[in-house]
Protein backbone atom coordinates (compact mmCIF):
# COMPACT_ATOMS: atom_id res chain seq x y z
CA UNK A 1 23.59 4.33 13.70
CA UNK A 2 23.60 2.90 17.22
CA UNK A 3 24.36 -0.65 16.47
CA UNK A 4 27.67 0.11 14.97
CA UNK A 5 28.73 1.29 18.50
CA UNK A 6 28.05 -2.12 19.82
CA UNK A 7 30.74 -4.41 20.76
CA UNK A 8 31.52 -6.76 17.73
CA UNK A 9 30.46 -9.93 19.56
CA UNK A 10 27.07 -8.24 20.12
CA UNK A 11 26.69 -6.42 16.81
CA UNK A 12 26.89 -9.45 14.54
CA UNK A 13 24.08 -11.47 16.25
CA UNK A 14 21.77 -8.27 16.61
CA UNK A 15 22.28 -7.47 12.85
CA UNK A 16 21.64 -11.26 11.89
CA UNK A 17 18.61 -11.39 14.06
CA UNK A 18 17.09 -8.32 12.56
CA UNK A 19 17.73 -9.51 9.06
CA UNK A 20 16.40 -13.06 9.48
CA UNK A 21 13.25 -11.62 11.31
CA UNK A 22 12.45 -9.40 8.32
CA UNK A 23 13.22 -12.24 6.00
CA UNK A 24 10.71 -14.60 7.82
CA UNK A 25 8.12 -11.77 7.85
CA UNK A 26 8.65 -11.48 4.10
CA UNK A 27 8.00 -15.26 3.71
CA UNK A 28 4.86 -15.22 5.92
CA UNK A 29 3.47 -12.35 3.77
CA UNK A 30 0.92 -13.98 1.50
CA UNK A 31 -2.14 -12.68 -0.31
CA UNK A 32 -4.41 -13.87 2.45
CA UNK A 33 -2.16 -12.85 5.37
CA UNK A 34 -0.68 -9.36 4.73
CA UNK A 35 1.63 -9.37 7.69
CA UNK A 36 4.14 -6.72 6.37
CA UNK A 37 1.34 -4.40 5.41
CA UNK A 38 0.02 -4.30 8.92
CA UNK A 39 3.51 -4.08 10.35
CA UNK A 40 4.63 -1.19 8.16
CA UNK A 41 1.21 0.42 8.81
CA UNK A 42 1.92 0.41 12.64
CA UNK A 43 5.55 1.45 12.17
CA UNK A 44 4.48 4.29 9.70
CA UNK A 45 1.79 5.56 12.14
CA UNK A 46 4.47 5.97 14.90
CA UNK A 47 7.57 7.03 13.06
CA UNK A 48 6.20 9.55 10.64
CA UNK A 49 4.77 11.87 13.47
CA UNK A 50 8.10 11.40 15.37
CA UNK A 51 10.23 12.45 12.20
CA UNK A 52 7.74 15.43 11.87
CA UNK A 53 7.64 16.70 15.39
CA UNK A 54 10.72 15.42 17.25
CA UNK A 55 13.67 15.54 14.77
CA UNK A 56 13.22 19.51 13.81
CA UNK A 57 12.94 20.27 17.47
CA UNK A 58 16.09 18.31 18.39
CA UNK A 59 17.95 19.87 15.45
CA UNK A 60 17.20 23.27 16.49
CA UNK A 61 18.08 22.34 20.29
CA UNK A 62 21.62 21.26 19.10
CA UNK A 63 22.14 24.20 16.90
CA UNK A 64 21.01 26.80 19.51
CA UNK A 65 23.01 25.04 22.29
CA UNK A 66 26.29 25.87 20.56
């Protein structure tokens, strides 16, 4: 995970900011305003194709490089 390589004085605020932003989004998520459903829909539509197409190619690239 890339945030573990950050300097400690930057890592703690970044992790806290991500945690509290997800926490606030969870509080805003009501029956009328499905914020998290929309957010995860957008993230899933971007990340799932990336996992299927990019990760296998990069894996074979690193294996074949050695």
